[in-house]
Amino acid sequence: MMIVAVVLSLLSAAASPRDSAATARLLALLKGADPAVCELAARSVLNQGRFGGDWSDDLPMPMPVPIPMPMPHAAPRLGEGVRIKIRHGLRFEESLDQGTLGAYRVVLRDDSRCVRNLAARALSQAAAPGTYELFAALLRDPSAGLRETGALGMAELEDARGLRPLSDALRDEDPAVRAMAARGLGGLENTAAIEPLAGPLRDPTPAVRRTAAWALGEINNARAIDALTGVLTDRDPGVRRMAAWALGEINTAAAVQPLATVLHDADAAVRRTAAWALGETGDASGVLPLAGALRDHDVAVRSTAAWALGEIGNSQGVSPLATALKDTAPEVGRLAAWALGEIQDADAVEPLAAALKSGDEDVRATAAWALGEIESPRARPALEAAADDRSVEVRNAAKWALRQLGDDGDEQPVHIRVPRPRVRVRP
């Protein structure tokens, strides 16, 4: 109970209005706090992600979450479409006076890593005059911990002047500093950082290599393709995943061939990320390797491959997706139906009509939607039968599809709700 009371006390202090005295009291409390408690309080102060714990995990979540949105919007109901904006007080940086900034500056060299990093982030958000010089000085400090804090502050500041000191920090003797410097260069999104970041892709520490690959994905320039391709065979699966993600972010046909090779990686998460990245390229040359991935033993890989084929939208994907409609995993069948609706090729009508008899309600509903997207008269008999389906979701989707064919005289709005197929891939 005492531990709970301490935690609640710290969180209450963190959430309270901030002046210099209150900030100093909070920081004093955090100096002796457990690292996990310190992290919770720091999150409350800045409303950001974590800064305590293992430095290798202290990265933004880079992997997008592709969420296909198959169904048309239903007719708006009362109250929909109205936006209400509620502002909860001042933004963090607006609430800092000079005294509060001073309280943060005092602890920039504190022994507590969490307190130092909280101060660095707070000062970065405020972007007060002299902040860049503070972090540049920390990057030159003999203490590796302080150099890491300097790199974090420089990374959060996102000041273009940080390009040179952060590039120099990539050669630091401490891996935490090197990783934080790579993160900072990714945040700058400056193509001048591509060459400096190529070196850390061969760093002896996997977390540094992963961060460098992430940074190159953030910079998003085709000049990084060769360097990223070279680490698709890295011994660490996390590095391979991040390199595949970065190639998807760069979004170019030149990445298709190396990504196709990664679809045979021993690690399912790497294969899943490669399939996502091929969908991001949108290039038709990715269809054949993705068709092979529809036979992967991992359900998530097959689901991602189906989603990617829908993103590419090429009719070459119709045949393998038609087979995937009968996958033993319903989530694969749902995404295959969605993808066929995206491609909108009449050759998919018969396989989708057959899918209207699937044992899975969501497969049937998504298949009905897809037939409405294709708008082929050949789908009419199957859709008329589906309009009497035992599931209200399937019936509604079938009625909507029939209206798309111009065969339903009912002009009343039809509420359509089909589960949205989701593919989550995260390095």
Protein backbone atom coordinates (compact mmCIF):
# COMPACT_ATOMS: atom_id res chain seq x y z
CA MET A 1 0.00 0.00 0.00
CA MET A 2 2.87 2.35 0.74
CA ILE A 3 4.28 1.80 -2.75
CA VAL A 4 0.87 2.57 -4.26
CA ALA A 5 0.64 5.74 -2.19
CA VAL A 6 4.07 6.86 -3.38
CA VAL A 7 3.15 6.21 -7.00
CA LEU A 8 -0.12 8.12 -6.70
CA SER A 9 1.67 10.99 -4.99
CA LEU A 10 4.21 11.23 -7.81
CA LEU A 11 1.59 11.04 -10.52
CA SER A 12 -0.50 13.68 -8.79
CA ALA A 13 2.52 15.95 -8.59
CA ALA A 14 3.32 15.30 -12.24
CA ALA A 15 -0.20 16.17 -13.36
CA SER A 16 -0.44 19.32 -11.25
CA PRO A 17 0.02 22.82 -12.70
CA ARG A 18 3.72 23.47 -13.20
CA ASP A 19 5.68 26.39 -11.76
CA SER A 20 9.36 26.43 -10.84
CA ALA A 21 8.81 25.38 -7.22
CA ALA A 22 6.43 22.55 -8.10
CA THR A 23 8.76 21.33 -10.83
CA ALA A 24 11.73 21.34 -8.47
CA ARG A 25 9.74 19.35 -5.89
CA LEU A 26 8.66 16.81 -8.49
CA LEU A 27 12.20 16.35 -9.79
CA ALA A 28 13.51 15.93 -6.26
CA LEU A 29 10.93 13.20 -5.64
CA LEU A 30 11.81 11.45 -8.89
CA LYS A 31 15.53 11.31 -8.12
CA GLY A 32 14.98 8.62 -5.52
CA ALA A 33 12.05 6.92 -7.22
CA ASP A 34 12.03 3.47 -8.72
CA PRO A 35 12.81 3.71 -12.49
CA ALA A 36 9.38 2.37 -13.43
CA VAL A 37 7.64 4.92 -11.19
CA CYS A 38 9.86 7.68 -12.54
CA GLU A 39 8.87 6.71 -16.06
CA LEU A 40 5.15 6.84 -15.26
CA ALA A 41 5.52 10.28 -13.75
CA ALA A 42 7.58 11.48 -16.70
CA ARG A 43 4.92 10.28 -19.11
CA SER A 44 2.34 12.23 -17.15
CA VAL A 45 4.45 15.38 -17.30
CA LEU A 46 5.11 15.28 -21.03
CA ASN A 47 2.31 13.04 -22.27
CA GLN A 48 4.88 11.14 -24.33
CA GLY A 49 6.33 7.67 -24.65
CA ARG A 50 8.83 6.08 -22.39
CA PHE A 51 12.26 7.42 -21.52
CA GLY A 52 13.29 5.04 -18.76
CA GLY A 53 14.15 1.39 -19.12
CA ASP A 54 16.31 -0.13 -21.82
CA TRP A 55 17.55 2.53 -24.20
CA SER A 56 17.26 0.17 -27.15
CA ASP A 57 13.47 0.15 -26.75
CA ASP A 58 13.19 3.93 -26.49
CA LEU A 59 12.26 4.45 -30.13
CA PRO A 60 9.12 5.82 -31.71
CA MET A 61 6.87 3.06 -33.01
CA PRO A 62 7.81 3.33 -36.64
CA MET A 63 5.73 0.63 -38.24
CA PRO A 64 2.47 1.92 -39.71
CA VAL A 65 -0.65 -0.12 -39.12
CA PRO A 66 -2.29 -0.70 -42.52
CA ILE A 67 -6.03 -0.86 -41.92
CA PRO A 68 -8.06 -1.47 -45.09
CA MET A 69 -11.33 0.45 -45.04
CA PRO A 70 -13.52 -1.65 -47.33
CA MET A 71 -17.01 -0.45 -46.68
CA PRO A 72 -18.58 2.76 -47.99
CA HIS A 73 -19.69 5.23 -45.36
CA ALA A 74 -23.25 4.74 -44.25
CA ALA A 75 -25.66 7.63 -44.47
CA PRO A 76 -24.79 10.09 -41.67
CA ARG A 77 -26.93 9.85 -38.58
CA LEU A 78 -27.95 12.73 -36.38
CA GLY A 79 -24.92 14.32 -34.85
CA GLU A 80 -22.37 12.72 -37.15
CA GLY A 81 -19.97 14.97 -38.99
CA VAL A 82 -19.88 17.52 -36.18
CA ARG A 83 -16.42 18.15 -34.74
CA ILE A 84 -16.06 19.39 -31.21
CA LYS A 85 -12.61 20.44 -30.07
CA ILE A 86 -11.94 20.57 -26.35
CA ARG A 87 -8.68 22.12 -25.27
CA HIS A 88 -7.37 20.98 -21.92
CA GLY A 89 -5.38 24.00 -20.79
CA LEU A 90 -2.08 25.15 -22.22
CA ARG A 91 0.24 22.95 -24.22
CA PHE A 92 3.24 21.77 -22.22
CA GLU A 93 5.68 24.16 -23.81
CA GLU A 94 3.31 27.10 -23.24
CA SER A 95 3.20 26.37 -19.51
CA LEU A 96 6.95 26.78 -18.86
CA ASP A 97 8.23 30.03 -17.42
CA GLN A 98 11.90 30.89 -17.03
CA GLY A 99 11.97 29.59 -13.47
CA THR A 100 10.58 26.23 -14.55
CA LEU A 101 13.07 26.00 -17.40
CA GLY A 102 15.81 26.71 -14.90
CA ALA A 103 14.60 23.84 -12.69
CA TYR A 104 14.98 21.48 -15.63
CA ARG A 105 18.41 22.83 -16.57
CA VAL A 106 19.69 22.18 -13.04
CA VAL A 107 19.03 18.42 -13.31
CA LEU A 108 20.42 17.89 -16.81
CA ARG A 109 23.53 16.39 -15.20
CA ASP A 110 21.71 14.49 -12.46
CA ASP A 111 22.74 10.94 -11.57
CA SER A 112 19.22 9.68 -12.34
CA ARG A 113 18.97 8.79 -16.02
CA CYS A 114 15.19 9.16 -15.99
CA VAL A 115 15.35 12.63 -14.42
CA ARG A 116 18.05 13.76 -16.88
CA ASN A 117 16.09 12.51 -19.84
CA LEU A 118 12.85 14.04 -18.59
CA ALA A 119 14.63 17.37 -18.32
CA ALA A 120 16.14 16.99 -21.80
CA ARG A 121 12.75 16.32 -23.34
CA ALA A 122 11.09 19.15 -21.46
CA LEU A 123 13.74 21.64 -22.59
CA SER A 124 13.53 20.34 -26.16
CA GLN A 125 9.79 20.90 -26.24
CA ALA A 126 10.20 24.41 -24.94
CA ALA A 127 12.96 25.13 -27.50
CA ALA A 128 14.14 28.05 -25.39
CA PRO A 129 17.17 30.12 -26.50
CA GLY A 130 20.43 28.40 -25.59
CA THR A 131 18.93 24.89 -25.50
CA TYR A 132 20.90 23.72 -28.53
CA GLU A 133 24.16 24.86 -26.92
CA LEU A 134 23.28 22.98 -23.71
CA PHE A 135 22.84 19.70 -25.57
CA ALA A 136 25.92 20.26 -27.73
CA ALA A 137 27.98 20.68 -24.54
CA LEU A 138 26.54 17.45 -23.09
CA LEU A 139 27.53 15.59 -26.25
CA ARG A 140 31.15 16.53 -25.52
CA ASP A 141 31.04 15.47 -21.85
CA PRO A 142 33.39 12.71 -20.61
CA SER A 143 30.39 10.84 -19.08
CA ALA A 144 28.68 8.46 -21.49
CA GLY A 145 25.37 8.89 -19.64
CA LEU A 146 25.46 12.64 -20.10
CA ARG A 147 26.39 12.28 -23.75
CA GLU A 148 23.37 10.04 -24.21
CA THR A 149 21.16 12.70 -22.59
CA GLY A 150 22.70 15.30 -24.89
CA ALA A 151 21.95 13.12 -27.91
CA LEU A 152 18.36 12.62 -26.71
CA GLY A 153 17.86 16.33 -26.22
CA MET A 154 19.33 17.08 -29.63
CA ALA A 155 17.11 14.41 -31.17
CA GLU A 156 13.97 15.83 -29.59
CA LEU A 157 14.92 19.40 -30.46
CA GLU A 158 14.97 18.61 -34.20
CA ASP A 159 17.21 21.60 -34.91
CA ALA A 160 18.93 21.45 -38.32
CA ARG A 161 22.17 22.51 -36.62
CA GLY A 162 22.19 19.12 -34.91
CA LEU A 163 23.19 17.34 -38.12
CA ARG A 164 26.92 17.70 -37.53
CA PRO A 165 27.13 16.91 -33.79
CA LEU A 166 24.76 13.97 -34.13
CA SER A 167 26.74 12.61 -37.09
CA ASP A 168 29.90 12.87 -34.99
CA ALA A 169 28.15 11.07 -32.12
CA LEU A 170 27.57 8.05 -34.38
CA ARG A 171 31.24 7.25 -33.71
CA ASP A 172 30.92 7.51 -29.92
CA GLU A 173 32.46 4.65 -27.91
CA ASP A 174 29.16 4.07 -26.09
CA PRO A 175 26.41 2.18 -28.00
CA ALA A 176 23.60 4.04 -26.20
CA VAL A 177 24.97 7.33 -27.46
CA ARG A 178 25.35 5.99 -30.99
CA ALA A 179 21.78 4.69 -31.02
CA MET A 180 20.38 7.97 -29.72
CA ALA A 181 22.38 9.92 -32.29
CA ALA A 182 20.98 7.75 -35.08
CA ARG A 183 17.50 8.37 -33.74
CA GLY A 184 18.11 12.10 -33.80
CA LEU A 185 19.29 12.03 -37.40
CA GLY A 186 16.15 10.15 -38.39
CA GLY A 187 14.06 12.84 -36.74
CA LEU A 188 15.80 15.53 -38.79
CA GLU A 189 14.75 13.76 -42.02
CA ASN A 190 17.68 15.40 -43.82
CA THR A 191 19.15 13.55 -46.81
CA ALA A 192 22.60 14.76 -45.78
CA ALA A 193 22.40 12.17 -42.97
CA ILE A 194 22.14 9.18 -45.34
CA GLU A 195 25.88 8.64 -45.74
CA PRO A 196 26.67 9.05 -42.01
CA LEU A 197 23.92 6.55 -41.15
CA ALA A 198 25.23 3.89 -43.55
CA GLY A 199 28.15 3.18 -41.23
CA PRO A 200 26.06 2.32 -38.14
CA LEU A 201 24.22 -0.31 -40.18
CA ARG A 202 27.39 -2.37 -39.59
CA ASP A 203 27.68 -1.45 -35.90
CA PRO A 204 28.52 -4.36 -33.54
CA THR A 205 25.46 -3.56 -31.39
CA PRO A 206 22.14 -4.74 -32.91
CA ALA A 207 20.13 -1.89 -31.37
CA VAL A 208 22.35 0.65 -33.10
CA ARG A 209 21.90 -1.10 -36.43
CA ARG A 210 18.13 -1.22 -35.92
CA THR A 211 17.98 2.46 -35.09
CA ALA A 212 20.09 3.40 -38.11
CA ALA A 213 17.75 1.42 -40.38
CA TRP A 214 14.75 3.15 -38.79
CA ALA A 215 16.37 6.54 -39.34
CA LEU A 216 16.96 5.82 -43.02
CA GLY A 217 13.28 4.88 -43.38
CA GLU A 218 12.32 8.18 -41.77
CA ILE A 219 14.54 10.10 -44.19
CA ASN A 220 12.72 8.26 -46.98
CA ASN A 221 15.12 8.67 -49.89
CA ALA A 222 16.04 6.19 -52.63
CA ARG A 223 19.74 6.81 -52.02
CA ALA A 224 19.46 4.59 -48.94
CA ILE A 225 18.21 1.51 -50.81
CA ASP A 226 21.59 -0.13 -51.38
CA ALA A 227 22.65 0.31 -47.76
CA LEU A 228 19.36 -1.07 -46.45
CA THR A 229 19.40 -3.98 -48.87
CA GLY A 230 22.78 -4.96 -47.50
CA VAL A 231 21.36 -5.55 -44.00
CA LEU A 232 18.36 -7.63 -45.08
CA THR A 233 20.61 -10.61 -44.29
CA ASP A 234 21.76 -9.26 -40.91
CA ARG A 235 22.15 -11.93 -38.23
CA ASP A 236 19.66 -10.09 -35.99
CA PRO A 237 16.00 -10.51 -37.03
CA GLY A 238 15.12 -7.11 -35.56
CA VAL A 239 17.59 -5.44 -37.90
CA ARG A 240 16.20 -7.35 -40.87
CA ARG A 241 12.64 -6.35 -39.94
CA MET A 242 13.56 -2.70 -39.59
CA ALA A 243 15.43 -2.68 -42.90
CA ALA A 244 12.39 -4.20 -44.64
CA TRP A 245 10.15 -1.59 -43.03
CA ALA A 246 12.47 1.20 -44.14
CA LEU A 247 12.39 -0.05 -47.73
CA GLY A 248 8.59 0.01 -47.59
CA GLU A 249 8.71 3.59 -46.34
CA ILE A 250 10.96 4.60 -49.22
CA ASN A 251 8.27 3.15 -51.45
CA THR A 252 10.07 2.45 -54.73
CA ALA A 253 10.00 -0.34 -57.30
CA ALA A 254 13.73 -0.76 -56.84
CA ALA A 255 13.04 -2.36 -53.46
CA VAL A 256 10.78 -5.12 -54.82
CA GLN A 257 13.48 -7.67 -55.67
CA PRO A 258 15.32 -7.53 -52.33
CA LEU A 259 12.02 -7.57 -50.43
CA ALA A 260 10.85 -10.59 -52.42
CA THR A 261 13.91 -12.46 -51.20
CA VAL A 262 13.06 -11.60 -47.59
CA LEU A 263 9.70 -13.36 -47.98
CA HIS A 264 11.71 -16.56 -47.45
CA ASP A 265 13.32 -15.37 -44.22
CA ALA A 266 13.38 -17.84 -41.31
CA ASP A 267 11.63 -15.31 -39.03
CA ALA A 268 7.86 -14.90 -39.55
CA ALA A 269 7.90 -11.29 -38.36
CA VAL A 270 10.51 -10.45 -41.00
CA ARG A 271 8.42 -12.12 -43.71
CA ARG A 272 5.34 -10.25 -42.51
CA THR A 273 7.13 -6.91 -42.68
CA ALA A 274 8.48 -7.69 -46.16
CA ALA A 275 4.94 -8.47 -47.38
CA TRP A 276 3.71 -5.16 -45.96
CA ALA A 277 6.57 -3.31 -47.60
CA LEU A 278 5.81 -4.87 -50.99
CA GLY A 279 2.27 -3.60 -50.70
CA GLU A 280 3.61 -0.14 -49.91
CA THR A 281 5.63 -0.09 -53.14
CA GLY A 282 2.43 -0.56 -55.13
CA ASP A 283 4.48 -2.14 -57.91
CA ALA A 284 3.02 -4.96 -60.01
CA SER A 285 6.29 -6.88 -59.94
CA GLY A 286 5.52 -7.64 -56.31
CA VAL A 287 2.40 -9.67 -57.16
CA LEU A 288 4.15 -12.97 -57.91
CA PRO A 289 6.22 -13.13 -54.71
CA LEU A 290 3.17 -12.07 -52.67
CA ALA A 291 1.12 -14.83 -54.31
CA GLY A 292 3.68 -17.28 -52.96
CA ALA A 293 3.40 -15.70 -49.51
CA LEU A 294 -0.32 -16.56 -49.49
CA ARG A 295 0.84 -20.14 -48.92
CA ASP A 296 3.06 -19.26 -45.94
CA HIS A 297 2.53 -21.41 -42.84
CA ASP A 298 2.13 -18.27 -40.70
CA VAL A 299 -1.40 -16.82 -40.71
CA ALA A 300 -0.19 -13.25 -40.18
CA VAL A 301 2.11 -13.51 -43.20
CA ARG A 302 -0.74 -14.78 -45.36
CA SER A 303 -3.05 -12.02 -44.13
CA THR A 304 -0.46 -9.34 -44.81
CA ALA A 305 0.20 -10.74 -48.29
CA ALA A 306 -3.52 -10.57 -49.10
CA TRP A 307 -3.67 -6.97 -47.88
CA ALA A 308 -0.59 -6.08 -49.93
CA LEU A 309 -2.11 -7.52 -53.11
CA GLY A 310 -5.13 -5.33 -52.56
CA GLU A 311 -2.88 -2.31 -52.11
CA ILE A 312 -1.09 -3.06 -55.38
CA GLY A 313 -4.45 -3.49 -57.12
CA ASN A 314 -3.19 -5.48 -60.11
CA SER A 315 -5.41 -8.08 -61.81
CA GLN A 316 -2.58 -10.62 -61.69
CA GLY A 317 -3.47 -11.01 -58.04
CA VAL A 318 -7.02 -12.23 -58.72
CA SER A 319 -6.23 -15.94 -59.12
CA PRO A 320 -4.11 -16.37 -55.96
CA LEU A 321 -6.56 -14.27 -53.95
CA ALA A 322 -9.46 -16.39 -55.20
CA THR A 323 -7.71 -19.41 -53.73
CA ALA A 324 -7.05 -17.51 -50.49
CA LEU A 325 -10.79 -16.94 -50.07
CA LYS A 326 -10.96 -20.58 -48.96
CA ASP A 327 -8.09 -20.27 -46.47
CA THR A 328 -8.62 -22.17 -43.22
CA ALA A 329 -8.05 -18.91 -41.31
CA PRO A 330 -11.09 -16.59 -41.66
CA GLU A 331 -8.94 -13.46 -41.34
CA VAL A 332 -7.08 -14.46 -44.51
CA GLY A 333 -10.36 -15.01 -46.35
CA ARG A 334 -11.70 -11.64 -45.23
CA LEU A 335 -8.62 -9.80 -46.45
CA ALA A 336 -8.62 -11.75 -49.70
CA ALA A 337 -12.22 -10.64 -50.31
CA TRP A 338 -11.32 -7.07 -49.47
CA ALA A 339 -8.35 -7.17 -51.84
CA LEU A 340 -10.50 -8.50 -54.69
CA GLY A 341 -12.89 -5.62 -54.10
CA GLU A 342 -9.99 -3.22 -54.36
CA ILE A 343 -8.74 -4.77 -57.60
CA GLN A 344 -12.27 -4.69 -59.13
CA ASP A 345 -11.66 -7.32 -61.79
CA ALA A 346 -14.69 -9.20 -63.18
CA ASP A 347 -12.76 -12.48 -63.07
CA ALA A 348 -13.24 -12.39 -59.29
CA VAL A 349 -17.04 -12.53 -59.50
CA GLU A 350 -17.43 -16.33 -59.39
CA PRO A 351 -14.92 -16.90 -56.54
CA LEU A 352 -16.55 -14.11 -54.52
CA ALA A 353 -20.03 -15.49 -55.23
CA ALA A 354 -18.85 -18.84 -53.88
CA ALA A 355 -17.46 -17.06 -50.80
CA LEU A 356 -21.00 -15.86 -50.03
CA LYS A 357 -21.56 -19.42 -48.78
CA SER A 358 -18.56 -19.33 -46.43
CA GLY A 359 -19.09 -20.48 -42.87
CA ASP A 360 -17.62 -17.20 -41.62
CA GLU A 361 -20.03 -14.26 -41.45
CA ASP A 362 -17.33 -11.65 -42.02
CA VAL A 363 -16.01 -13.43 -45.11
CA ARG A 364 -19.53 -13.48 -46.55
CA ALA A 365 -20.16 -9.82 -45.76
CA THR A 366 -16.84 -8.66 -47.20
CA ALA A 367 -17.40 -10.79 -50.31
CA ALA A 368 -20.78 -9.10 -50.81
CA TRP A 369 -19.13 -5.71 -50.49
CA ALA A 370 -16.45 -6.69 -53.00
CA LEU A 371 -19.08 -7.78 -55.53
CA GLY A 372 -20.70 -4.39 -55.15
CA GLU A 373 -17.37 -2.75 -55.87
CA ILE A 374 -16.89 -4.81 -59.04
CA GLU A 375 -20.44 -4.01 -60.25
CA SER A 376 -20.81 -7.00 -62.55
CA PRO A 377 -24.36 -8.12 -63.46
CA ARG A 378 -23.12 -11.70 -63.13
CA ALA A 379 -23.13 -11.26 -59.36
CA ARG A 380 -26.89 -10.54 -59.17
CA PRO A 381 -28.20 -14.07 -58.44
CA ALA A 382 -25.66 -14.70 -55.70
CA LEU A 383 -26.30 -11.31 -54.12
CA GLU A 384 -30.07 -11.80 -54.21
CA ALA A 385 -29.61 -15.04 -52.32
CA ALA A 386 -27.26 -13.33 -49.85
CA ALA A 387 -29.91 -10.65 -49.22
CA ASP A 388 -31.76 -13.40 -47.28
CA ASP A 389 -28.66 -14.47 -45.31
CA ARG A 390 -29.17 -15.36 -41.64
CA SER A 391 -26.71 -12.58 -40.72
CA VAL A 392 -27.94 -9.00 -40.72
CA GLU A 393 -24.44 -7.80 -41.65
CA VAL A 394 -24.37 -9.99 -44.74
CA ARG A 395 -27.91 -8.98 -45.70
CA ASN A 396 -27.08 -5.31 -45.44
CA ALA A 397 -23.89 -5.69 -47.46
CA ALA A 398 -25.72 -7.66 -50.14
CA LYS A 399 -28.48 -5.02 -50.37
CA TRP A 400 -25.87 -2.31 -50.72
CA ALA A 401 -24.12 -4.30 -53.46
CA LEU A 402 -27.40 -4.79 -55.33
CA ARG A 403 -27.96 -1.04 -55.22
CA GLN A 404 -24.51 -0.66 -56.77
CA LEU A 405 -25.77 -2.87 -59.60
CA GLY A 406 -28.83 -0.64 -59.97
CA ASP A 407 -31.08 -3.52 -59.05
CA ASP A 408 -32.56 -2.37 -55.75
CA GLY A 409 -35.34 0.19 -55.99
CA ASP A 410 -35.28 0.94 -52.27
CA GLU A 411 -33.97 4.47 -51.94
CA GLN A 412 -33.80 4.36 -48.13
CA PRO A 413 -30.27 4.50 -46.68
CA VAL A 414 -28.88 1.08 -45.84
CA HIS A 415 -26.67 0.87 -42.77
CA ILE A 416 -23.65 -1.26 -43.67
CA ARG A 417 -21.20 -2.47 -41.08
CA VAL A 418 -18.54 -4.92 -42.16
CA PRO A 419 -15.55 -5.61 -39.88
CA ARG A 420 -12.49 -3.88 -41.21
CA PRO A 421 -9.72 -6.32 -42.01
CA ARG A 422 -6.62 -5.40 -40.04
CA VAL A 423 -3.00 -6.21 -40.67
CA ARG A 424 -0.58 -5.27 -37.90
CA VAL A 425 3.12 -5.48 -38.57
CA ARG A 426 5.59 -3.94 -36.16
CA PRO A 427 9.35 -4.32 -36.01
